[in-house]
């Protein structure tokens, strides 16, 4: 069964899900943030099949989130290191962790804490307005088409109902 590609949809959520739309890809990145760099370490930490891990690592390298760096020449073996693009995914993982801690953690509490070195406290992600710093909530926001939204789609009645046209 061939999966539908969202790579060209005029929606950053759809495009992101096209890249991260299986459960292994974000977990591979999570392990990279934990400091895992080598294939066998990823495999051991996740209990993932070799072929599945190879596919996910290849995709993350092709998409520029991880970089392969040789650490051994005979045979050639690689470390998988987060790139700037990969490091920028941290906020997404932190937000997912926050949501999971709130809605899915058991009575025993959060399974993993996020410690902020700058202030020395355990913390969690908050989604705030980049302009005023106030928390963002769905009830306080409206989606608008942006400059990258295709002009041809702006005329569709369903699009006009869903978005405030910019």
Protein backbone atom coordinates (compact mmCIF):
# COMPACT_ATOMS: atom_id res chain seq x y z
CA UNK A 1 0.00 0.00 0.00
CA UNK A 2 1.53 3.27 -1.12
CA UNK A 3 1.31 6.15 1.32
CA UNK A 4 0.06 9.59 0.32
CA UNK A 5 2.79 12.21 0.21
CA UNK A 6 2.12 15.55 1.88
CA UNK A 7 5.49 17.00 0.88
CA UNK A 8 3.96 19.54 -1.51
CA UNK A 9 0.86 20.46 0.46
CA UNK A 10 0.55 24.17 1.32
CA UNK A 11 0.73 23.39 5.04
CA UNK A 12 3.82 23.18 7.25
CA UNK A 13 2.13 20.63 9.53
CA UNK A 14 1.39 18.32 6.58
CA UNK A 15 4.93 18.72 5.22
CA UNK A 16 6.41 17.99 8.65
CA UNK A 17 4.23 14.91 9.04
CA UNK A 18 5.38 13.75 5.62
CA UNK A 19 8.90 13.65 7.03
CA UNK A 20 8.13 12.53 10.60
CA UNK A 21 4.89 10.62 10.02
CA UNK A 22 5.97 7.32 11.53
CA UNK A 23 6.77 6.63 15.16
CA UNK A 24 10.43 5.68 14.62
CA UNK A 25 11.69 8.91 13.07
CA UNK A 26 11.01 11.21 16.06
CA UNK A 27 12.32 8.51 18.39
CA UNK A 28 15.58 8.26 16.42
CA UNK A 29 15.94 12.04 16.77
CA UNK A 30 15.09 11.83 20.48
CA UNK A 31 17.96 9.38 20.93
CA UNK A 32 20.27 11.72 19.01
CA UNK A 33 19.38 14.44 21.55
CA UNK A 34 20.19 11.94 24.32
CA UNK A 35 23.69 11.70 22.83
CA UNK A 36 23.38 8.50 20.78
CA UNK A 37 25.50 8.71 17.63
CA UNK A 38 26.18 5.19 16.37
CA UNK A 39 23.98 2.76 14.48
CA UNK A 40 24.26 -0.07 17.01
CA UNK A 41 23.57 2.33 19.89
CA UNK A 42 20.37 3.53 18.20
CA UNK A 43 19.37 -0.08 17.55
CA UNK A 44 19.99 -1.14 21.12
CA UNK A 45 18.28 1.90 22.67
CA UNK A 46 15.16 1.60 20.50
CA UNK A 47 14.90 -2.15 19.89
CA UNK A 48 14.37 -1.29 16.22
CA UNK A 49 14.98 -3.62 13.26
CA UNK A 50 18.22 -2.95 11.38
CA UNK A 51 16.49 -2.27 8.06
CA UNK A 52 13.98 0.11 9.64
CA UNK A 53 16.73 2.02 11.44
CA UNK A 54 18.85 2.17 8.27
CA UNK A 55 15.86 3.60 6.36
CA UNK A 56 15.14 6.24 9.04
CA UNK A 57 18.78 7.29 9.38
CA UNK A 58 19.13 7.54 5.61
CA UNK A 59 16.01 9.71 5.40
CA UNK A 60 17.19 11.98 8.23
CA UNK A 61 20.59 12.36 6.53
CA UNK A 62 18.97 13.01 3.11
CA UNK A 63 16.69 15.64 4.68
CA UNK A 64 19.64 17.34 6.40
CA UNK A 65 18.69 16.66 10.04
CA UNK A 66 21.60 14.32 10.67
CA UNK A 67 25.08 14.28 9.19
CA UNK A 68 27.15 11.12 8.70
CA UNK A 69 30.71 11.48 9.99
CA UNK A 70 33.16 8.58 9.60
CA UNK A 71 34.78 7.46 12.85
CA UNK A 72 36.41 4.28 11.49
CA UNK A 73 37.88 3.47 8.09
CA UNK A 74 38.27 -0.35 8.01
CA UNK A 75 35.37 -1.05 7.68
CA UNK A 76 33.89 2.41 7.27
CA UNK A 77 31.57 3.23 10.16
CA UNK A 78 29.74 6.45 10.88
CA UNK A 79 28.51 8.63 13.68
CA UNK A 80 25.16 10.30 13.06
CA UNK A 81 25.35 13.87 14.31
CA UNK A 82 22.56 16.42 14.57
CA UNK A 83 22.83 19.32 12.13
CA UNK A 84 21.46 22.81 12.80
CA UNK A 85 18.21 21.71 11.13
CA UNK A 86 18.11 18.62 13.35
CA UNK A 87 18.84 20.60 16.51
CA UNK A 88 15.97 22.93 15.61
CA UNK A 89 13.58 19.97 15.98
CA UNK A 90 14.22 20.03 19.74
CA UNK A 91 11.32 22.41 20.37
CA UNK A 92 8.92 20.00 18.67
CA UNK A 93 10.12 17.10 20.83
CA UNK A 94 9.94 19.27 23.97
CA UNK A 95 6.35 20.28 23.14
CA UNK A 96 5.39 16.65 22.50
CA UNK A 97 6.98 15.67 25.80
CA UNK A 98 5.05 18.40 27.63
CA UNK A 99 1.76 17.25 26.12
CA UNK A 100 2.54 13.62 26.95
CA UNK A 101 3.51 14.52 30.52
CA UNK A 102 0.21 16.33 30.97
CA UNK A 103 -2.13 13.84 29.34
CA UNK A 104 -0.39 10.45 29.27
CA UNK A 105 1.92 10.22 32.31
CA UNK A 106 0.69 7.96 35.08
CA UNK A 107 0.34 8.78 38.76
CA UNK A 108 4.06 8.27 39.20
CA UNK A 109 4.68 11.45 37.18
CA UNK A 110 6.82 12.48 34.23
CA UNK A 111 9.14 9.75 32.98
CA UNK A 112 11.84 12.21 31.83
CA UNK A 113 12.54 15.70 33.13
CA UNK A 114 13.94 18.55 31.08
CA UNK A 115 16.66 20.40 33.00
CA UNK A 116 17.56 23.95 31.89
CA UNK A 117 21.27 24.60 32.43
CA UNK A 118 20.98 28.39 32.26
CA UNK A 119 18.73 28.69 35.32
CA UNK A 120 19.40 25.35 36.98
CA UNK A 121 15.74 24.27 37.13
CA UNK A 122 13.71 21.40 35.76
CA UNK A 123 11.25 22.84 33.26
CA UNK A 124 8.86 22.07 30.41
CA UNK A 125 8.11 23.53 27.02
CA UNK A 126 5.59 26.35 26.66
CA UNK A 127 4.27 27.65 23.36
CA UNK A 128 4.22 31.42 23.46
CA UNK A 129 3.73 34.25 20.99
CA UNK A 130 7.06 35.24 19.48
CA UNK A 131 5.95 38.89 19.54
CA UNK A 132 4.46 39.46 23.01
CA UNK A 133 5.49 36.36 24.97
CA UNK A 134 1.92 35.46 25.97
CA UNK A 135 0.92 31.75 25.88
CA UNK A 136 -0.67 30.64 22.62
CA UNK A 137 -4.03 28.87 22.75
CA UNK A 138 -6.22 27.81 19.85
CA UNK A 139 -9.09 29.97 21.09
CA UNK A 140 -6.85 33.05 20.90
CA UNK A 141 -5.49 32.50 17.40
CA UNK A 142 -6.69 32.54 13.81
CA UNK A 143 -5.01 30.79 10.91
CA UNK A 144 -4.23 33.03 7.93
CA UNK A 145 -2.79 32.19 4.58
CA UNK A 146 0.84 33.16 4.32
CA UNK A 147 2.99 34.31 1.42
CA UNK A 148 3.76 30.69 0.48
CA UNK A 149 0.10 29.67 0.13
CA UNK A 150 -0.70 29.03 -3.56
CA UNK A 151 -2.84 31.74 -5.17
CA UNK A 152 -4.82 29.13 -7.12
CA UNK A 153 -6.07 27.59 -3.86
CA UNK A 154 -7.13 30.86 -2.26
CA UNK A 155 -10.20 30.96 -4.49
CA UNK A 156 -11.61 27.63 -3.32
CA UNK A 157 -14.69 28.02 -1.06
CA UNK A 158 -13.38 25.51 1.52
CA UNK A 159 -10.11 27.47 1.82
CA UNK A 160 -11.96 30.77 2.13
CA UNK A 161 -14.05 29.32 5.01
CA UNK A 162 -11.05 27.93 6.92
CA UNK A 163 -8.60 30.81 6.67
CA UNK A 164 -8.44 34.52 7.06
CA UNK A 165 -6.89 35.42 3.74
CA UNK A 166 -3.74 37.50 4.11
